[in-house]
Amino acid sequence: MTAPWKPTRREILAVGTAALLTGCTPDSPVPPVPTPAMTAAGRVPLPPDLLLGLSTSAYQIEGSVSADGRGPSIWDTFCNRKGVIVDASSGATACDHYQRWSEDLDLMASLGIQSYRFSVAWTRVLPEGRGAVNQRGLDFYKRLVEGLLDRNISPLVTLYHWDLPQALQDLGGWQVRDSASWFADYASVVFEELVGVRRWLTINEPRVVVHNGHLNGQHAPGIADERAAGRVLHHLSLAHGRAVQAFRSSSASGVIGPCHVLSPCYPADDSPSAVSAAALEDAELNTLYLDPVLKGEYPELTEKLPPRVQRSIESAQRNGDLRIISEPVDLVGINYYTPVVINGRGERQKYFPLTPIDWPMYPGGLTECLLRIHREYGAPLIAVTENGVGGRADEALDDSFRTRFLRDHLLALKTAVDDGARLESYNAWSLMDNFEWAQGYSQRWGLVNVDFKTQHRKPKASARWYADVLGRRSVPLQG
């Protein structure tokens, strides 16, 4: 058995540079991360207790935005603004999953998946964000959970995936401190009602909520204000902590934790300026969100953030907040897509091959993220809650680039497990093509193709490949 691969920065950049120099594309990617063991059939066995599944989110697939008492969310409002969605679309219909949920569960079962990560739409449960509960909305998720359990698929429920009730945004949204209490109250309702769920995530990718929603205005609610971003960052962390407290006080059982998107940051060269720039980028993208929740402190490098962001974080804090924010969790959800390489001027560099939508691709970054959460933060359990690759709207059903992406990242995951990381599940993004936020329907991320005119679902080559991995509990090195 060979030792687990631990690439140096120089090796990482050499791999990426070589890929670019040889014209490497998603159709000829960087070779898979080496793994310690392989069967004679050329397959790498996966851990026997690792749940393999797929992920979605409510606004991206459900549609039926006015059905059964659902209230408007900030994404309903945002999509009505001119010029903010690439193709001027919305999630009003999306994949019509609200009506077709049973068909979609049958599709999942046919693929043999063991885990399904989905989110609850806050506005279906509490149309105004607080106050009266909408039983019809809750009943949808009850049916969904029961359907999953009947098919031996373990639900992994995300409480918040970016769709804040518009009524709460009108009261200040995540910028106001009350938002943490609103979220905890909503979470308490869901904990008590969704009987049978034993795996919970609080808030999906707070970094994206902060950066895209409140710093650059590219996502709902479309705010571009450094001071707002700092307040939102702190209040999201506080909301997470209060939701964990609510979980402990509820009758629900199982595990709960945060869900963060991580981007490993590498200096472009050995210069002190590049090393410093990469450390600052890491603080802004990763530790600024991880440290308060998992260590009960903000990272020291936050003092180098834009002054207004730093001041607004500090002004939002109260005595005792970090104790609440760092309530002990049972697992940490990790979304991983892409690495970052920074030069001495703080500029991002292209060292890795690119996906069809021009995102840098490096499977070894997943290994690094998982081992970091295991070693630096001591996470008791880790779930890979999103990992996938986007294609263009004209993507073929023979999506071999996606099959290779999944293969290489599953091998990278196996390397992390062999080196000590405790993984409970891997949930690829995404079950099916859907509404991709500001990109509308101009991108395709699903293992299952959706014809948005007919709502017909058709598994792609990657879905058939993934079904084979699920059935044989191993990853083929070829094909």
Protein backbone atom coordinates (compact mmCIF):
# COMPACT_ATOMS: atom_id res chain seq x y z
CA MET A 1 0.00 0.00 0.00
CA THR A 2 1.41 3.36 -1.00
CA ALA A 3 1.34 6.39 1.25
CA PRO A 4 -1.46 8.93 0.73
CA TRP A 5 -0.55 11.68 -1.69
CA LYS A 6 0.28 15.00 -0.04
CA PRO A 7 1.10 17.46 -2.82
CA THR A 8 3.34 20.44 -2.20
CA ARG A 9 2.42 23.84 -3.57
CA ARG A 10 5.04 23.41 -6.30
CA GLU A 11 3.60 20.02 -7.29
CA ILE A 12 0.09 21.42 -7.35
CA LEU A 13 1.03 24.27 -9.64
CA ALA A 14 3.18 22.03 -11.82
CA VAL A 15 0.20 19.77 -12.46
CA GLY A 16 -2.03 22.70 -13.35
CA THR A 17 0.58 24.42 -15.52
CA ALA A 18 1.37 21.21 -17.39
CA ALA A 19 -2.32 20.72 -18.08
CA LEU A 20 -2.60 24.18 -19.60
CA LEU A 21 0.59 23.87 -21.65
CA THR A 22 -0.60 20.61 -23.18
CA GLY A 23 -3.99 22.09 -24.03
CA CYS A 24 -5.78 20.13 -21.31
CA THR A 25 -9.53 20.55 -21.42
CA PRO A 26 -12.43 18.95 -19.53
CA ASP A 27 -12.24 16.21 -22.19
CA SER A 28 -8.66 15.37 -21.17
CA PRO A 29 -8.41 16.30 -17.50
CA VAL A 30 -5.56 16.17 -15.03
CA PRO A 31 -4.98 12.50 -14.07
CA PRO A 32 -6.86 11.23 -11.02
CA VAL A 33 -5.41 11.79 -7.58
CA PRO A 34 -3.50 8.58 -6.68
CA THR A 35 -5.21 6.31 -4.16
CA PRO A 36 -3.77 3.64 -1.90
CA ALA A 37 -5.63 0.55 -3.04
CA MET A 38 -7.18 -0.82 -6.20
CA THR A 39 -8.83 -4.12 -7.10
CA ALA A 40 -7.60 -6.37 -9.86
CA ALA A 41 -10.51 -5.13 -11.96
CA GLY A 42 -9.10 -1.61 -11.94
CA ARG A 43 -11.59 -0.22 -9.44
CA VAL A 44 -11.05 1.61 -6.16
CA PRO A 45 -13.34 0.39 -3.35
CA LEU A 46 -15.28 3.03 -1.45
CA PRO A 47 -15.77 2.95 2.33
CA PRO A 48 -18.63 0.54 3.09
CA ASP A 49 -20.45 2.98 5.40
CA LEU A 50 -20.20 6.00 3.08
CA LEU A 51 -23.62 7.13 1.85
CA LEU A 52 -23.62 8.09 -1.82
CA GLY A 53 -26.23 10.50 -3.05
CA LEU A 54 -27.27 13.65 -4.87
CA SER A 55 -28.21 17.22 -3.95
CA THR A 56 -30.77 19.86 -4.91
CA SER A 57 -32.28 23.01 -3.42
CA ALA A 58 -35.88 24.18 -3.14
CA TYR A 59 -35.95 27.29 -5.31
CA GLN A 60 -33.88 25.67 -8.03
CA ILE A 61 -36.23 22.74 -8.65
CA GLU A 62 -39.63 23.07 -6.96
CA GLY A 63 -41.48 25.68 -9.01
CA SER A 64 -45.11 26.21 -7.95
CA VAL A 65 -44.13 29.46 -6.29
CA SER A 66 -47.73 30.41 -5.49
CA ALA A 67 -49.09 26.95 -4.69
CA ASP A 68 -50.66 25.92 -1.38
CA GLY A 69 -50.03 29.15 0.48
CA ARG A 70 -46.33 29.62 -0.27
CA GLY A 71 -45.21 33.20 0.30
CA PRO A 72 -42.78 35.12 -1.92
CA SER A 73 -39.05 34.82 -1.29
CA ILE A 74 -36.25 37.24 -2.10
CA TRP A 75 -35.49 35.19 -5.21
CA ASP A 76 -39.02 35.64 -6.53
CA THR A 77 -38.54 39.37 -6.11
CA PHE A 78 -34.99 39.43 -7.46
CA CYS A 79 -35.91 37.53 -10.63
CA ASN A 80 -38.45 40.24 -11.47
CA ARG A 81 -35.68 42.83 -11.69
CA LYS A 82 -34.53 43.61 -15.20
CA GLY A 83 -31.10 42.40 -16.22
CA VAL A 84 -30.12 40.39 -13.12
CA ILE A 85 -30.76 36.90 -14.57
CA VAL A 86 -28.76 36.04 -17.70
CA ASP A 87 -31.75 34.72 -19.64
CA ALA A 88 -34.41 36.76 -17.81
CA SER A 89 -35.85 33.55 -16.34
CA SER A 90 -36.87 32.55 -12.82
CA GLY A 91 -37.59 29.53 -10.65
CA ALA A 92 -41.35 29.96 -11.04
CA THR A 93 -41.61 26.58 -12.74
CA ALA A 94 -38.04 25.25 -12.66
CA CYS A 95 -38.23 21.42 -12.66
CA ASP A 96 -41.83 21.35 -11.40
CA HIS A 97 -40.61 19.14 -8.58
CA TYR A 98 -43.40 20.31 -6.27
CA GLN A 99 -45.84 18.47 -8.54
CA ARG A 100 -43.51 15.71 -9.75
CA TRP A 101 -41.78 14.80 -6.49
CA SER A 102 -42.94 11.17 -6.48
CA GLU A 103 -41.67 10.64 -10.03
CA ASP A 104 -38.36 12.21 -9.02
CA LEU A 105 -38.04 9.94 -5.99
CA ASP A 106 -38.64 6.93 -8.23
CA LEU A 107 -35.89 8.21 -10.50
CA MET A 108 -33.50 8.47 -7.54
CA ALA A 109 -34.40 4.96 -6.42
CA SER A 110 -33.75 3.63 -9.94
CA LEU A 111 -30.22 5.04 -9.71
CA GLY A 112 -29.72 3.37 -6.33
CA ILE A 113 -28.82 6.50 -4.38
CA GLN A 114 -28.63 6.25 -0.60
CA SER A 115 -28.67 9.93 0.39
CA TYR A 116 -30.69 12.89 -0.88
CA ARG A 117 -29.81 16.38 0.20
CA PHE A 118 -32.61 18.91 -0.32
CA SER A 119 -33.69 22.18 1.24
CA VAL A 120 -36.93 23.32 2.83
CA ALA A 121 -38.41 26.52 1.45
CA TRP A 122 -38.90 28.80 4.46
CA THR A 123 -41.83 30.52 2.70
CA ARG A 124 -43.74 27.24 2.30
CA VAL A 125 -43.61 26.66 6.04
CA LEU A 126 -44.01 30.27 7.20
CA PRO A 127 -45.25 32.40 4.27
CA GLU A 128 -44.46 35.61 6.16
CA GLY A 129 -41.26 34.20 7.61
CA ARG A 130 -42.77 34.10 11.10
CA GLY A 131 -46.19 33.77 12.68
CA ALA A 132 -48.78 31.31 11.38
CA VAL A 133 -47.57 27.95 10.09
CA ASN A 134 -48.74 26.88 6.63
CA GLN A 135 -49.68 23.25 7.09
CA ARG A 136 -50.02 22.59 3.37
CA GLY A 137 -46.42 23.57 2.83
CA LEU A 138 -45.25 21.41 5.70
CA ASP A 139 -47.26 18.49 4.37
CA PHE A 140 -45.31 18.60 1.10
CA TYR A 141 -42.05 18.04 2.96
CA LYS A 142 -43.63 15.38 5.14
CA ARG A 143 -44.66 13.49 2.01
CA LEU A 144 -41.19 13.97 0.57
CA VAL A 145 -39.49 12.61 3.69
CA GLU A 146 -41.87 9.66 3.91
CA GLY A 147 -41.31 8.91 0.23
CA LEU A 148 -37.56 8.93 0.68
CA LEU A 149 -37.67 6.66 3.69
CA ASP A 150 -40.02 4.27 1.87
CA ARG A 151 -37.38 4.01 -0.85
CA ASN A 152 -34.53 3.52 1.64
CA ILE A 153 -33.01 6.91 0.83
CA SER A 154 -31.69 8.88 3.79
CA PRO A 155 -32.84 12.54 3.79
CA LEU A 156 -30.24 15.22 4.46
CA VAL A 157 -32.23 18.41 5.07
CA THR A 158 -30.89 21.93 4.60
CA LEU A 159 -32.93 24.50 6.50
CA TYR A 160 -31.84 27.51 4.44
CA HIS A 161 -30.63 27.59 0.86
CA TRP A 162 -30.80 31.32 0.07
CA ASP A 163 -34.59 31.81 -0.24
CA LEU A 164 -35.33 34.23 2.62
CA PRO A 165 -39.01 35.22 2.89
CA GLN A 166 -39.51 38.59 1.24
CA ALA A 167 -41.57 39.69 4.25
CA LEU A 168 -38.45 39.35 6.42
CA GLN A 169 -36.28 41.11 3.87
CA ASP A 170 -38.72 44.00 4.12
CA LEU A 171 -37.89 44.13 7.83
CA GLY A 172 -34.15 44.29 7.14
CA GLY A 173 -33.39 40.66 6.34
CA TRP A 174 -30.06 39.24 7.49
CA GLN A 175 -28.77 42.73 8.22
CA VAL A 176 -30.82 42.93 11.42
CA ARG A 177 -30.06 40.96 14.54
CA ASP A 178 -33.62 39.67 14.84
CA SER A 179 -32.96 37.50 11.79
CA ALA A 180 -31.15 34.97 13.99
CA SER A 181 -34.25 34.57 16.16
CA TRP A 182 -36.54 34.36 13.13
CA PHE A 183 -34.42 31.56 11.74
CA ALA A 184 -34.32 29.64 15.03
CA ASP A 185 -38.12 29.85 15.34
CA TYR A 186 -38.57 28.58 11.80
CA ALA A 187 -36.04 25.80 12.39
CA SER A 188 -37.91 24.71 15.53
CA VAL A 189 -41.09 24.19 13.51
CA VAL A 190 -39.28 22.07 10.93
CA PHE A 191 -37.46 20.00 13.57
CA GLU A 192 -40.73 19.07 15.26
CA GLU A 193 -42.67 18.36 12.09
CA LEU A 194 -40.28 16.42 9.85
CA VAL A 195 -40.29 13.22 11.82
CA GLY A 196 -37.82 10.66 10.50
CA VAL A 197 -35.11 13.10 9.45
CA ARG A 198 -31.87 12.41 11.30
CA ARG A 199 -29.40 14.52 9.28
CA TRP A 200 -29.63 18.30 9.26
CA LEU A 201 -27.74 21.26 7.85
CA THR A 202 -28.42 24.81 8.98
CA ILE A 203 -27.40 27.42 6.38
CA ASN A 204 -26.01 26.68 2.94
CA GLU A 205 -22.88 28.57 1.92
CA PRO A 206 -23.06 31.72 4.06
CA ARG A 207 -20.07 33.02 2.10
CA VAL A 208 -22.17 33.19 -1.07
CA VAL A 209 -25.03 34.88 0.79
CA VAL A 210 -22.56 37.50 2.00
CA HIS A 211 -20.48 37.99 -1.16
CA ASN A 212 -23.05 37.54 -3.91
CA GLY A 213 -26.14 38.73 -2.09
CA HIS A 214 -24.82 41.66 -0.07
CA LEU A 215 -21.32 42.62 -1.27
CA ASN A 216 -21.54 42.59 -5.06
CA GLY A 217 -25.32 42.37 -5.52
CA GLN A 218 -25.25 39.52 -8.05
CA HIS A 219 -27.71 37.38 -6.07
CA ALA A 220 -30.87 38.14 -4.13
CA PRO A 221 -31.53 40.46 -2.42
CA GLY A 222 -29.18 42.34 -4.77
CA ILE A 223 -27.39 44.55 -2.23
CA ALA A 224 -23.85 45.88 -2.79
CA ASP A 225 -22.76 47.37 0.53
CA GLU A 226 -19.64 46.44 2.50
CA ARG A 227 -21.22 47.43 5.80
CA ALA A 228 -24.30 45.34 5.08
CA ALA A 229 -22.09 42.38 4.14
CA GLY A 230 -20.27 42.45 7.48
CA ARG A 231 -23.48 42.51 9.49
CA VAL A 232 -24.98 39.72 7.41
CA LEU A 233 -21.88 37.58 7.91
CA HIS A 234 -22.15 37.81 11.68
CA HIS A 235 -25.91 37.35 11.83
CA LEU A 236 -25.78 34.25 9.61
CA SER A 237 -23.31 32.67 12.00
CA LEU A 238 -25.48 33.66 14.95
CA ALA A 239 -28.54 32.20 13.22
CA HIS A 240 -26.68 28.94 12.71
CA GLY A 241 -25.80 28.76 16.42
CA ARG A 242 -29.34 29.49 17.53
CA ALA A 243 -30.70 26.84 15.17
CA VAL A 244 -28.32 24.29 16.71
CA GLN A 245 -29.59 25.31 20.15
CA ALA A 246 -33.16 24.90 18.94
CA PHE A 247 -32.31 21.44 17.63
CA ARG A 248 -30.91 20.38 21.00
CA SER A 249 -34.08 21.65 22.70
CA SER A 250 -36.42 19.89 20.27
CA SER A 251 -37.65 16.33 20.17
CA ALA A 252 -35.66 15.71 16.98
CA SER A 253 -32.70 13.37 17.04
CA GLY A 254 -29.72 12.75 14.83
CA VAL A 255 -26.92 15.05 13.72
CA ILE A 256 -26.72 18.71 12.76
CA GLY A 257 -24.07 21.07 11.45
CA PRO A 258 -23.20 23.95 9.13
CA CYS A 259 -22.67 23.80 5.37
CA HIS A 260 -19.75 25.77 3.94
CA VAL A 261 -18.30 26.13 0.47
CA LEU A 262 -14.50 25.90 0.64
CA SER A 263 -11.89 27.03 -1.87
CA PRO A 264 -8.28 26.05 -1.11
CA CYS A 265 -6.00 29.03 -1.80
CA TYR A 266 -2.50 28.62 -3.21
CA PRO A 267 0.24 31.24 -3.75
CA ALA A 268 1.29 31.52 -7.40
CA ASP A 269 4.98 31.54 -6.45
CA ASP A 270 7.30 31.51 -3.44
CA SER A 271 7.43 35.27 -2.99
CA PRO A 272 6.38 36.64 0.41
CA SER A 273 3.79 38.84 -1.29
CA ALA A 274 2.11 35.86 -2.98
CA VAL A 275 2.16 33.79 0.21
CA SER A 276 0.64 36.71 2.13
CA ALA A 277 -2.00 37.31 -0.54
CA ALA A 278 -2.99 33.63 -0.52
CA ALA A 279 -3.30 33.68 3.29
CA LEU A 280 -5.54 36.73 3.13
CA GLU A 281 -7.66 35.15 0.40
CA ASP A 282 -8.00 32.02 2.52
CA ALA A 283 -9.13 34.11 5.49
CA GLU A 284 -11.72 35.96 3.44
CA LEU A 285 -13.08 32.88 1.66
CA ASN A 286 -12.72 30.16 4.27
CA THR A 287 -11.58 30.83 7.84
CA LEU A 288 -13.78 33.89 8.25
CA TYR A 289 -16.73 31.49 8.11
CA LEU A 290 -15.20 28.37 9.63
CA ASP A 291 -13.45 29.81 12.68
CA PRO A 292 -16.43 31.46 14.42
CA VAL A 293 -18.57 28.32 14.06
CA LEU A 294 -15.92 25.68 14.76
CA LYS A 295 -13.46 27.56 16.99
CA GLY A 296 -15.54 30.32 18.56
CA GLU A 297 -13.34 33.13 17.23
CA TYR A 298 -12.75 35.24 14.16
CA PRO A 299 -9.42 34.69 12.37
CA GLU A 300 -6.69 37.23 13.00
CA LEU A 301 -6.37 38.13 9.33
CA THR A 302 -9.84 39.67 9.30
CA GLU A 303 -8.14 42.95 10.26
CA LYS A 304 -6.93 43.13 6.65
CA LEU A 305 -10.44 42.97 5.23
CA PRO A 306 -11.96 46.15 3.77
CA PRO A 307 -12.32 48.48 6.78
CA ARG A 308 -16.09 48.87 6.47
CA VAL A 309 -16.58 45.09 6.39
CA GLN A 310 -14.40 44.69 9.47
CA ARG A 311 -16.13 47.49 11.37
CA SER A 312 -19.58 46.17 10.57
CA ILE A 313 -18.67 42.68 11.81
CA GLU A 314 -17.40 44.21 15.05
CA SER A 315 -20.44 46.44 15.44
CA ALA A 316 -22.80 43.50 14.98
CA GLN A 317 -21.20 41.46 17.79
CA ARG A 318 -22.57 41.27 21.31
CA ASN A 319 -21.13 39.63 24.42
CA GLY A 320 -21.78 35.92 24.29
CA ASP A 321 -22.40 35.75 20.53
CA LEU A 322 -19.37 33.62 19.78
CA ARG A 323 -20.40 31.13 22.43
CA ILE A 324 -23.76 30.74 20.68
CA ILE A 325 -22.20 30.67 17.22
CA SER A 326 -19.82 27.90 18.25
CA GLU A 327 -22.43 25.58 19.77
CA PRO A 328 -20.97 22.08 19.31
CA VAL A 329 -22.03 20.42 16.06
CA ASP A 330 -22.12 16.79 14.98
CA LEU A 331 -21.00 17.13 11.39
CA VAL A 332 -19.70 19.69 8.92
CA GLY A 333 -21.09 19.92 5.40
CA ILE A 334 -18.55 20.83 2.72
CA ASN A 335 -19.33 22.07 -0.79
CA TYR A 336 -16.29 21.90 -3.04
CA TYR A 337 -16.01 23.04 -6.63
CA THR A 338 -12.83 24.93 -7.37
CA PRO A 339 -9.42 26.10 -6.05
CA VAL A 340 -7.92 29.59 -6.12
CA VAL A 341 -4.37 30.59 -7.07
CA ILE A 342 -3.24 34.12 -6.08
CA ASN A 343 -0.20 36.15 -7.15
CA GLY A 344 1.60 38.79 -5.12
CA ARG A 345 -0.77 41.52 -6.33
CA GLY A 346 -3.80 39.61 -5.08
CA GLU A 347 -4.88 38.62 -8.58
CA ARG A 348 -6.31 35.21 -9.40
CA GLN A 349 -4.21 33.15 -11.79
CA LYS A 350 -5.16 30.37 -14.21
CA TYR A 351 -3.11 27.31 -13.30
CA PHE A 352 -5.68 24.54 -13.59
CA PRO A 353 -7.72 23.14 -16.47
CA LEU A 354 -11.11 24.72 -16.87
CA THR A 355 -14.59 23.25 -16.88
CA PRO A 356 -17.01 24.00 -19.76
CA ILE A 357 -18.15 27.11 -17.86
CA ASP A 358 -14.55 28.17 -17.17
CA TRP A 359 -14.23 27.21 -13.52
CA PRO A 360 -10.76 25.95 -12.47
CA MET A 361 -10.78 22.23 -11.76
CA TYR A 362 -8.51 20.44 -9.29
CA PRO A 363 -9.68 17.22 -7.54
CA GLY A 364 -6.80 17.35 -5.05
CA GLY A 365 -8.43 20.44 -3.57
CA LEU A 366 -11.21 18.23 -2.23
CA THR A 367 -8.68 16.03 -0.47
CA GLU A 368 -7.08 19.10 1.07
CA CYS A 369 -10.40 20.58 2.24
CA LEU A 370 -11.55 17.36 3.87
CA LEU A 371 -8.26 16.80 5.67
CA ARG A 372 -8.20 20.42 6.80
CA ILE A 373 -11.65 20.14 8.37
CA HIS A 374 -10.60 16.87 9.99
CA ARG A 375 -7.20 17.98 11.29
CA GLU A 376 -7.51 21.70 11.93
CA TYR A 377 -11.10 21.76 13.14
CA GLY A 378 -11.54 18.26 14.52
CA ALA A 379 -14.88 17.67 12.84
CA PRO A 380 -16.51 14.52 14.23
CA LEU A 381 -18.16 13.79 10.87
CA ILE A 382 -17.96 15.38 7.44
CA ALA A 383 -20.48 15.30 4.62
CA VAL A 384 -19.58 16.34 1.10
CA THR A 385 -22.83 18.15 0.45
CA GLU A 386 -22.11 19.49 -3.05
CA ASN A 387 -19.53 18.57 -5.66
CA GLY A 388 -20.17 18.83 -9.37
CA VAL A 389 -19.40 20.44 -12.69
CA GLY A 390 -21.49 22.72 -14.87
CA GLY A 391 -21.99 22.52 -18.61
CA ARG A 392 -23.58 24.76 -21.20
CA ALA A 393 -27.25 24.74 -22.13
CA ASP A 394 -26.51 22.67 -25.26
CA GLU A 395 -24.68 20.00 -23.26
CA ALA A 396 -24.96 16.48 -24.72
CA LEU A 397 -26.45 13.53 -22.90
CA ASP A 398 -23.05 11.88 -23.28
CA ASP A 399 -21.50 14.12 -20.61
CA SER A 400 -18.18 12.32 -20.36
CA PHE A 401 -16.51 15.40 -18.86
CA ARG A 402 -18.88 15.11 -15.87
CA THR A 403 -18.20 11.40 -15.46
CA ARG A 404 -14.46 12.10 -15.30
CA PHE A 405 -14.99 14.98 -12.88
CA LEU A 406 -16.98 12.74 -10.51
CA ARG A 407 -14.49 9.91 -10.85
CA ASP A 408 -11.51 12.08 -10.02
CA HIS A 409 -13.23 13.74 -7.07
CA LEU A 410 -14.45 10.44 -5.62
CA LEU A 411 -10.86 9.20 -5.80
CA ALA A 412 -9.73 12.38 -4.06
CA LEU A 413 -12.34 11.77 -1.38
CA LYS A 414 -11.08 8.21 -0.91
CA THR A 415 -7.56 9.55 -0.41
CA ALA A 416 -8.82 11.83 2.38
CA VAL A 417 -10.68 8.95 4.05
CA ASP A 418 -7.59 6.76 3.92
CA ASP A 419 -5.66 9.59 5.57
CA GLY A 420 -8.09 9.83 8.50
CA ALA A 421 -11.02 12.07 7.50
CA ARG A 422 -14.37 10.73 8.75
CA LEU A 423 -16.83 10.98 5.86
CA GLU A 424 -20.49 10.10 6.32
CA SER A 425 -21.75 10.94 2.82
CA TYR A 426 -20.94 12.23 -0.63
CA ASN A 427 -23.73 14.12 -2.39
CA ALA A 428 -22.98 15.15 -5.96
CA TRP A 429 -24.45 18.34 -7.39
CA SER A 430 -26.95 17.92 -8.83
CA LEU A 431 -29.74 15.40 -9.28
CA MET A 432 -31.03 17.20 -12.37
CA ASP A 433 -30.62 20.30 -14.46
CA ASN A 434 -32.28 23.23 -12.73
CA PHE A 435 -32.54 26.99 -12.31
CA GLU A 436 -28.95 28.09 -11.74
CA TRP A 437 -29.54 31.35 -9.87
CA ALA A 438 -28.23 34.40 -11.77
CA GLN A 439 -27.28 32.13 -14.69
CA GLY A 440 -30.90 31.05 -15.14
CA TYR A 441 -31.16 28.06 -17.46
CA SER A 442 -27.99 28.89 -19.40
CA GLN A 443 -26.04 26.21 -17.52
CA ARG A 444 -26.59 22.50 -16.87
CA TRP A 445 -25.39 20.87 -13.64
CA GLY A 446 -27.52 17.73 -13.42
CA LEU A 447 -26.75 14.07 -13.83
CA VAL A 448 -30.27 13.92 -15.22
CA ASN A 449 -31.30 16.03 -18.19
CA VAL A 450 -34.50 18.07 -17.90
CA ASP A 451 -36.36 19.29 -20.96
CA PHE A 452 -37.83 22.45 -19.47
CA LYS A 453 -40.55 22.63 -22.12
CA THR A 454 -41.93 19.15 -21.46
CA GLN A 455 -40.41 18.48 -18.00
CA HIS A 456 -39.23 15.13 -19.33
CA ARG A 457 -36.31 13.68 -17.34
CA LYS A 458 -33.62 11.61 -19.00
CA PRO A 459 -30.52 10.25 -17.24
CA LYS A 460 -27.23 11.34 -18.78
CA ALA A 461 -24.20 9.12 -19.19
CA SER A 462 -22.92 10.43 -15.85
CA ALA A 463 -26.09 9.18 -14.11
CA ARG A 464 -25.61 5.70 -15.52
CA TRP A 465 -21.95 5.78 -14.49
CA TYR A 466 -22.86 6.92 -10.97
CA ALA A 467 -25.47 4.17 -10.70
CA ASP A 468 -22.73 1.66 -11.49
CA VAL A 469 -20.52 3.16 -8.75
CA LEU A 470 -23.41 2.93 -6.31
CA GLY A 471 -24.21 -0.65 -7.24
CA ARG A 472 -20.62 -1.89 -7.08
CA ARG A 473 -19.42 0.40 -4.25
CA SER A 474 -16.26 1.18 -6.18
CA VAL A 475 -14.87 3.72 -8.64
CA PRO A 476 -13.49 2.54 -12.00
CA LEU A 477 -10.20 4.13 -13.00
CA GLN A 478 -11.21 4.00 -16.65
CA GLY A 479 -14.43 5.01 -18.35
